[in-house]
Amino acid sequence: IAWFRQAPGKEREFVVVDRPFGGDTYYA
């Protein structure tokens, strides 16, 4: 499960992802 965001006048960008099976979490 990830979160992305799109600010006014900008392209959609990665924010954070939570991976399954004990995987890591990664933040922008």
PDB file of all heavy atoms in Angstrom:
ATOM      1  N   ILE A   1       0.854  -1.181   0.000  1.00  0.00           N
ATOM      2  CA  ILE A   1       0.000   0.000   0.000  1.00  0.00           C
ATOM      3  C   ILE A   1       0.892   1.233   0.000  1.00  0.00           C
ATOM      4  O   ILE A   1       1.764   1.360   0.857  1.00  0.00           O
ATOM      5  CB  ILE A   1      -0.952   0.044   1.205  1.00  0.00           C
ATOM      6  CG1 ILE A   1      -1.770  -1.256   1.308  1.00  0.00           C
ATOM      7  CG2 ILE A   1      -1.869   1.249   1.101  1.00  0.00           C
ATOM      8  CD1 ILE A   1      -2.727  -1.471   0.159  1.00  0.00           C
ATOM      9  N   ALA A   2       0.647   2.114  -0.943  1.00  0.00           N
ATOM     10  CA  ALA A   2       1.448   3.320  -1.078  1.00  0.00           C
ATOM     11  C   ALA A   2       0.563   4.547  -1.036  1.00  0.00           C
ATOM     12  O   ALA A   2      -0.644   4.488  -1.285  1.00  0.00           O
ATOM     13  CB  ALA A   2       2.239   3.305  -2.384  1.00  0.00           C
ATOM     14  N   TRP A   3       1.185   5.668  -0.710  1.00  0.00           N
ATOM     15  CA  TRP A   3       0.544   6.969  -0.829  1.00  0.00           C
ATOM     16  C   TRP A   3       1.325   7.798  -1.838  1.00  0.00           C
ATOM     17  O   TRP A   3       2.559   7.858  -1.784  1.00  0.00           O
ATOM     18  CB  TRP A   3       0.499   7.714   0.502  1.00  0.00           C
ATOM     19  CG  TRP A   3      -0.441   7.124   1.512  1.00  0.00           C
ATOM     20  CD1 TRP A   3      -0.142   6.221   2.478  1.00  0.00           C
ATOM     21  CD2 TRP A   3      -1.829   7.421   1.653  1.00  0.00           C
ATOM     22  NE1 TRP A   3      -1.258   5.928   3.219  1.00  0.00           N
ATOM     23  CE2 TRP A   3      -2.314   6.646   2.738  1.00  0.00           C
ATOM     24  CE3 TRP A   3      -2.723   8.257   0.976  1.00  0.00           C
ATOM     25  CZ2 TRP A   3      -3.647   6.693   3.153  1.00  0.00           C
ATOM     26  CZ3 TRP A   3      -4.039   8.294   1.398  1.00  0.00           C
ATOM     27  CH2 TRP A   3      -4.490   7.521   2.469  1.00  0.00           C
ATOM     28  N   PHE A   4       0.590   8.410  -2.743  1.00  0.00           N
ATOM     29  CA  PHE A   4       1.117   9.397  -3.667  1.00  0.00           C
ATOM     30  C   PHE A   4       0.356  10.695  -3.456  1.00  0.00           C
ATOM     31  O   PHE A   4      -0.724  10.705  -2.865  1.00  0.00           O
ATOM     32  CB  PHE A   4       0.961   8.933  -5.120  1.00  0.00           C
ATOM     33  CG  PHE A   4       1.844   7.773  -5.505  1.00  0.00           C
ATOM     34  CD1 PHE A   4       1.522   6.476  -5.142  1.00  0.00           C
ATOM     35  CD2 PHE A   4       2.996   7.990  -6.237  1.00  0.00           C
ATOM     36  CE1 PHE A   4       2.328   5.410  -5.498  1.00  0.00           C
ATOM     37  CE2 PHE A   4       3.815   6.934  -6.604  1.00  0.00           C
ATOM     38  CZ  PHE A   4       3.482   5.646  -6.230  1.00  0.00           C
ATOM     39  N   ARG A   5       0.920  11.769  -3.953  1.00  0.00           N
ATOM     40  CA  ARG A   5       0.217  13.049  -3.860  1.00  0.00           C
ATOM     41  C   ARG A   5       0.466  13.871  -5.111  1.00  0.00           C
ATOM     42  O   ARG A   5       1.479  13.720  -5.782  1.00  0.00           O
ATOM     43  CB  ARG A   5       0.647  13.837  -2.619  1.00  0.00           C
ATOM     44  CG  ARG A   5       2.083  14.332  -2.647  1.00  0.00           C
ATOM     45  CD  ARG A   5       2.444  14.992  -1.329  1.00  0.00           C
ATOM     46  NE  ARG A   5       3.796  15.531  -1.337  1.00  0.00           N
ATOM     47  CZ  ARG A   5       4.390  16.077  -0.286  1.00  0.00           C
ATOM     48  NH1 ARG A   5       3.737  16.159   0.877  1.00  0.00           N
ATOM     49  NH2 ARG A   5       5.630  16.544  -0.382  1.00  0.00           N
ATOM     50  N   GLN A   6      -0.477  14.733  -5.395  1.00  0.00           N
ATOM     51  CA  GLN A   6      -0.357  15.624  -6.534  1.00  0.00           C
ATOM     52  C   GLN A   6      -0.715  17.039  -6.090  1.00  0.00           C
ATOM     53  O   GLN A   6      -1.866  17.324  -5.763  1.00  0.00           O
ATOM     54  CB  GLN A   6      -1.255  15.178  -7.686  1.00  0.00           C
ATOM     55  CG  GLN A   6      -1.019  15.950  -8.967  1.00  0.00           C
ATOM     56  CD  GLN A   6      -1.592  15.247 -10.180  1.00  0.00           C
ATOM     57  OE1 GLN A   6      -2.426  14.354 -10.062  1.00  0.00           O
ATOM     58  NE2 GLN A   6      -1.143  15.637 -11.352  1.00  0.00           N
ATOM     59  N   ALA A   7       0.281  17.896  -6.083  1.00  0.00           N
ATOM     60  CA  ALA A   7       0.104  19.282  -5.687  1.00  0.00           C
ATOM     61  C   ALA A   7      -0.346  20.107  -6.886  1.00  0.00           C
ATOM     62  O   ALA A   7      -0.123  19.714  -8.040  1.00  0.00           O
ATOM     63  CB  ALA A   7       1.402  19.833  -5.121  1.00  0.00           C
ATOM     64  N   PRO A   8      -0.952  21.257  -6.627  1.00  0.00           N
ATOM     65  CA  PRO A   8      -1.371  22.111  -7.741  1.00  0.00           C
ATOM     66  C   PRO A   8      -0.206  22.455  -8.660  1.00  0.00           C
ATOM     67  O   PRO A   8       0.847  22.903  -8.200  1.00  0.00           O
ATOM     68  CB  PRO A   8      -1.913  23.360  -7.043  1.00  0.00           C
ATOM     69  CG  PRO A   8      -2.337  22.872  -5.697  1.00  0.00           C
ATOM     70  CD  PRO A   8      -1.340  21.824  -5.330  1.00  0.00           C
ATOM     71  N   GLY A   9      -0.392  22.226  -9.936  1.00  0.00           N
ATOM     72  CA  GLY A   9       0.626  22.552 -10.916  1.00  0.00           C
ATOM     73  C   GLY A   9       1.801  21.610 -10.970  1.00  0.00           C
ATOM     74  O   GLY A   9       2.766  21.880 -11.697  1.00  0.00           O
ATOM     75  N   LYS A  10       1.753  20.515 -10.229  1.00  0.00           N
ATOM     76  CA  LYS A  10       2.856  19.568 -10.210  1.00  0.00           C
ATOM     77  C   LYS A  10       2.379  18.173 -10.590  1.00  0.00           C
ATOM     78  O   LYS A  10       1.189  17.874 -10.572  1.00  0.00           O
ATOM     79  CB  LYS A  10       3.514  19.534  -8.831  1.00  0.00           C
ATOM     80  CG  LYS A  10       4.212  20.824  -8.439  1.00  0.00           C
ATOM     81  CD  LYS A  10       4.997  20.646  -7.153  1.00  0.00           C
ATOM     82  CE  LYS A  10       5.771  21.895  -6.804  1.00  0.00           C
ATOM     83  NZ  LYS A  10       6.572  21.713  -5.563  1.00  0.00           N
ATOM     84  N   GLU A  11       3.338  17.330 -10.910  1.00  0.00           N
ATOM     85  CA  GLU A  11       3.029  15.947 -11.232  1.00  0.00           C
ATOM     86  C   GLU A  11       2.880  15.120  -9.964  1.00  0.00           C
ATOM     87  O   GLU A  11       3.364  15.493  -8.892  1.00  0.00           O
ATOM     88  CB  GLU A  11       4.113  15.364 -12.131  1.00  0.00           C
ATOM     89  CG  GLU A  11       4.251  16.080 -13.459  1.00  0.00           C
ATOM     90  CD  GLU A  11       5.064  15.308 -14.464  1.00  0.00           C
ATOM     91  OE1 GLU A  11       5.213  14.080 -14.307  1.00  0.00           O
ATOM     92  OE2 GLU A  11       5.543  15.927 -15.418  1.00  0.00           O
ATOM     93  N   ARG A  12       2.194  14.012 -10.100  1.00  0.00           N
ATOM     94  CA  ARG A  12       2.004  13.129  -8.967  1.00  0.00           C
ATOM     95  C   ARG A  12       3.339  12.559  -8.491  1.00  0.00           C
ATOM     96  O   ARG A  12       4.170  12.145  -9.308  1.00  0.00           O
ATOM     97  CB  ARG A  12       1.045  12.000  -9.351  1.00  0.00           C
ATOM     98  CG  ARG A  12       0.556  11.181  -8.170  1.00  0.00           C
ATOM     99  CD  ARG A  12      -0.589  10.258  -8.581  1.00  0.00           C
ATOM    100  NE  ARG A  12      -1.731  11.006  -9.074  1.00  0.00           N
ATOM    101  CZ  ARG A  12      -2.886  10.454  -9.421  1.00  0.00           C
ATOM    102  NH1 ARG A  12      -3.050   9.132  -9.323  1.00  0.00           N
ATOM    103  NH2 ARG A  12      -3.875  11.208  -9.869  1.00  0.00           N
ATOM    104  N   GLU A  13       3.539  12.553  -7.184  1.00  0.00           N
ATOM    105  CA  GLU A  13       4.800  12.104  -6.637  1.00  0.00           C
ATOM    106  C   GLU A  13       4.595  11.081  -5.523  1.00  0.00           C
ATOM    107  O   GLU A  13       3.585  11.084  -4.817  1.00  0.00           O
ATOM    108  CB  GLU A  13       5.622  13.284  -6.106  1.00  0.00           C
ATOM    109  CG  GLU A  13       5.012  13.985  -4.910  1.00  0.00           C
ATOM    110  CD  GLU A  13       5.905  15.064  -4.330  1.00  0.00           C
ATOM    111  OE1 GLU A  13       7.079  15.171  -4.752  1.00  0.00           O
ATOM    112  OE2 GLU A  13       5.431  15.817  -3.453  1.00  0.00           O
ATOM    113  N   PHE A  14       5.588  10.251  -5.361  1.00  0.00           N
ATOM    114  CA  PHE A  14       5.599   9.226  -4.338  1.00  0.00           C
ATOM    115  C   PHE A  14       5.762   9.842  -2.960  1.00  0.00           C
ATOM    116  O   PHE A  14       6.539  10.782  -2.774  1.00  0.00           O
ATOM    117  CB  PHE A  14       6.755   8.262  -4.617  1.00  0.00           C
ATOM    118  CG  PHE A  14       7.065   7.311  -3.511  1.00  0.00           C
ATOM    119  CD1 PHE A  14       6.277   6.194  -3.295  1.00  0.00           C
ATOM    120  CD2 PHE A  14       8.155   7.521  -2.687  1.00  0.00           C
ATOM    121  CE1 PHE A  14       6.573   5.299  -2.277  1.00  0.00           C
ATOM    122  CE2 PHE A  14       8.463   6.641  -1.674  1.00  0.00           C
ATOM    123  CZ  PHE A  14       7.660   5.526  -1.469  1.00  0.00           C
ATOM    124  N   VAL A  15       5.036   9.290  -1.984  1.00  0.00           N
ATOM    125  CA  VAL A  15       5.139   9.744  -0.604  1.00  0.00           C
ATOM    126  C   VAL A  15       5.717   8.651   0.293  1.00  0.00           C
ATOM    127  O   VAL A  15       6.717   8.859   0.975  1.00  0.00           O
ATOM    128  CB  VAL A  15       3.771  10.198  -0.061  1.00  0.00           C
ATOM    129  CG1 VAL A  15       3.881  10.599   1.409  1.00  0.00           C
ATOM    130  CG2 VAL A  15       3.230  11.363  -0.891  1.00  0.00           C
ATOM    131  N   VAL A  16       5.079   7.486   0.295  1.00  0.00           N
ATOM    132  CA  VAL A  16       5.507   6.390   1.159  1.00  0.00           C
ATOM    133  C   VAL A  16       4.885   5.092   0.664  1.00  0.00           C
ATOM    134  O   VAL A  16       3.829   5.108   0.031  1.00  0.00           O
ATOM    135  CB  VAL A  16       5.098   6.649   2.631  1.00  0.00           C
ATOM    136  CG1 VAL A  16       3.580   6.741   2.769  1.00  0.00           C
ATOM    137  CG2 VAL A  16       5.658   5.605   3.571  1.00  0.00           C
ATOM    138  N   VAL A  17       5.545   3.969   0.951  1.00  0.00           N
ATOM    139  CA  VAL A  17       4.991   2.661   0.660  1.00  0.00           C
ATOM    140  C   VAL A  17       5.239   1.729   1.843  1.00  0.00           C
ATOM    141  O   VAL A  17       6.304   1.773   2.467  1.00  0.00           O
ATOM    142  CB  VAL A  17       5.574   2.059  -0.640  1.00  0.00           C
ATOM    143  CG1 VAL A  17       7.079   1.808  -0.507  1.00  0.00           C
ATOM    144  CG2 VAL A  17       4.847   0.774  -1.021  1.00  0.00           C
ATOM    145  N   ASP A  18       4.245   0.911   2.132  1.00  0.00           N
ATOM    146  CA  ASP A  18       4.350  -0.143   3.131  1.00  0.00           C
ATOM    147  C   ASP A  18       4.243  -1.480   2.416  1.00  0.00           C
ATOM    148  O   ASP A  18       3.223  -1.756   1.784  1.00  0.00           O
ATOM    149  CB  ASP A  18       3.250  -0.006   4.184  1.00  0.00           C
ATOM    150  CG  ASP A  18       3.291  -1.121   5.208  1.00  0.00           C
ATOM    151  OD1 ASP A  18       4.302  -1.236   5.919  1.00  0.00           O
ATOM    152  OD2 ASP A  18       2.305  -1.890   5.302  1.00  0.00           O
ATOM    153  N   ARG A  19       5.277  -2.298   2.499  1.00  0.00           N
ATOM    154  CA  ARG A  19       5.310  -3.559   1.771  1.00  0.00           C
ATOM    155  C   ARG A  19       4.924  -4.717   2.667  1.00  0.00           C
ATOM    156  O   ARG A  19       5.163  -4.702   3.870  1.00  0.00           O
ATOM    157  CB  ARG A  19       6.697  -3.777   1.173  1.00  0.00           C
ATOM    158  CG  ARG A  19       7.108  -2.657   0.210  1.00  0.00           C
ATOM    159  CD  ARG A  19       8.363  -2.988  -0.535  1.00  0.00           C
ATOM    160  NE  ARG A  19       8.147  -4.105  -1.455  1.00  0.00           N
ATOM    161  CZ  ARG A  19       9.129  -4.723  -2.110  1.00  0.00           C
ATOM    162  NH1 ARG A  19      10.379  -4.333  -1.953  1.00  0.00           N
ATOM    163  NH2 ARG A  19       8.835  -5.722  -2.932  1.00  0.00           N
ATOM    164  N   PRO A  20       4.313  -5.770   2.088  1.00  0.00           N
ATOM    165  CA  PRO A  20       3.861  -6.914   2.879  1.00  0.00           C
ATOM    166  C   PRO A  20       4.983  -7.897   3.166  1.00  0.00           C
ATOM    167  O   PRO A  20       6.141  -7.686   2.763  1.00  0.00           O
ATOM    168  CB  PRO A  20       2.796  -7.540   1.976  1.00  0.00           C
ATOM    169  CG  PRO A  20       3.311  -7.278   0.595  1.00  0.00           C
ATOM    170  CD  PRO A  20       3.934  -5.901   0.667  1.00  0.00           C
ATOM    171  N   PHE A  21       4.617  -8.968   3.861  1.00  0.00           N
ATOM    172  CA  PHE A  21       5.529 -10.075   4.154  1.00  0.00           C
ATOM    173  C   PHE A  21       6.751  -9.623   4.948  1.00  0.00           C
ATOM    174  O   PHE A  21       7.856 -10.134   4.751  1.00  0.00           O
ATOM    175  CB  PHE A  21       5.963 -10.790   2.872  1.00  0.00           C
ATOM    176  CG  PHE A  21       4.840 -11.123   1.951  1.00  0.00           C
ATOM    177  CD1 PHE A  21       4.830 -10.628   0.658  1.00  0.00           C
ATOM    178  CD2 PHE A  21       3.790 -11.909   2.375  1.00  0.00           C
ATOM    179  CE1 PHE A  21       3.788 -10.937  -0.201  1.00  0.00           C
ATOM    180  CE2 PHE A  21       2.740 -12.221   1.531  1.00  0.00           C
ATOM    181  CZ  PHE A  21       2.745 -11.729   0.235  1.00  0.00           C
ATOM    182  N   GLY A  22       6.556  -8.687   5.828  1.00  0.00           N
ATOM    183  CA  GLY A  22       7.653  -8.196   6.639  1.00  0.00           C
ATOM    184  C   GLY A  22       8.605  -7.272   5.916  1.00  0.00           C
ATOM    185  O   GLY A  22       9.712  -7.006   6.414  1.00  0.00           O
ATOM    186  N   GLY A  23       8.213  -6.775   4.776  1.00  0.00           N
ATOM    187  CA  GLY A  23       9.046  -5.867   4.015  1.00  0.00           C
ATOM    188  C   GLY A  23       9.180  -4.505   4.673  1.00  0.00           C
ATOM    189  O   GLY A  23       8.465  -4.165   5.620  1.00  0.00           O
ATOM    190  N   ASP A  24      10.078  -3.728   4.144  1.00  0.00           N
ATOM    191  CA  ASP A  24      10.373  -2.424   4.720  1.00  0.00           C
ATOM    192  C   ASP A  24       9.357  -1.364   4.297  1.00  0.00           C
ATOM    193  O   ASP A  24       8.573  -1.553   3.365  1.00  0.00           O
ATOM    194  CB  ASP A  24      11.768  -1.968   4.304  1.00  0.00           C
ATOM    195  CG  ASP A  24      12.871  -2.795   4.926  1.00  0.00           C
ATOM    196  OD1 ASP A  24      12.649  -3.350   6.028  1.00  0.00           O
ATOM    197  OD2 ASP A  24      13.951  -2.890   4.326  1.00  0.00           O
ATOM    198  N   THR A  25       9.412  -0.262   5.006  1.00  0.00           N
ATOM    199  CA  THR A  25       8.659   0.931   4.673  1.00  0.00           C
ATOM    200  C   THR A  25       9.623   1.976   4.138  1.00  0.00           C
ATOM    201  O   THR A  25      10.705   2.176   4.695  1.00  0.00           O
ATOM    202  CB  THR A  25       7.921   1.464   5.909  1.00  0.00           C
ATOM    203  OG1 THR A  25       7.028   0.464   6.392  1.00  0.00           O
ATOM    204  CG2 THR A  25       7.148   2.720   5.576  1.00  0.00           C
ATOM    205  N   TYR A  26       9.236   2.639   3.062  1.00  0.00           N
ATOM    206  CA  TYR A  26      10.101   3.624   2.421  1.00  0.00           C
ATOM    207  C   TYR A  26       9.370   4.947   2.293  1.00  0.00           C
ATOM    208  O   TYR A  26       8.236   4.994   1.815  1.00  0.00           O
ATOM    209  CB  TYR A  26      10.542   3.142   1.037  1.00  0.00           C
ATOM    210  CG  TYR A  26      11.272   1.824   1.068  1.00  0.00           C
ATOM    211  CD1 TYR A  26      10.587   0.632   0.882  1.00  0.00           C
ATOM    212  CD2 TYR A  26      12.645   1.778   1.299  1.00  0.00           C
ATOM    213  CE1 TYR A  26      11.256  -0.582   0.926  1.00  0.00           C
ATOM    214  CE2 TYR A  26      13.315   0.571   1.345  1.00  0.00           C
ATOM    215  CZ  TYR A  26      12.622  -0.611   1.158  1.00  0.00           C
ATOM    216  OH  TYR A  26      13.282  -1.811   1.193  1.00  0.00           O
ATOM    217  N   TYR A  27      10.036   6.029   2.698  1.00  0.00           N
ATOM    218  CA  TYR A  27       9.473   7.366   2.655  1.00  0.00           C
ATOM    219  C   TYR A  27      10.246   8.244   1.683  1.00  0.00           C
ATOM    220  O   TYR A  27      11.473   8.144   1.576  1.00  0.00           O
ATOM    221  CB  TYR A  27       9.537   8.034   4.027  1.00  0.00           C
ATOM    222  CG  TYR A  27       8.654   7.417   5.081  1.00  0.00           C
ATOM    223  CD1 TYR A  27       9.091   6.355   5.860  1.00  0.00           C
ATOM    224  CD2 TYR A  27       7.373   7.918   5.319  1.00  0.00           C
ATOM    225  CE1 TYR A  27       8.289   5.795   6.831  1.00  0.00           C
ATOM    226  CE2 TYR A  27       6.561   7.367   6.296  1.00  0.00           C
ATOM    227  CZ  TYR A  27       7.023   6.305   7.048  1.00  0.00           C
ATOM    228  OH  TYR A  27       6.219   5.762   8.020  1.00  0.00           O
ATOM    229  N   ALA A  28       9.528   9.106   1.004  1.00  0.00           N
ATOM    230  CA  ALA A  28      10.188  10.140   0.225  1.00  0.00           C
ATOM    231  C   ALA A  28      10.946  11.071   1.162  1.00  0.00           C
ATOM    232  O   ALA A  28      10.525  11.327   2.291  1.00  0.00           O
ATOM    233  CB  ALA A  28       9.166  10.926  -0.590  1.00  0.00           C
TER     234      ALA A  28
END
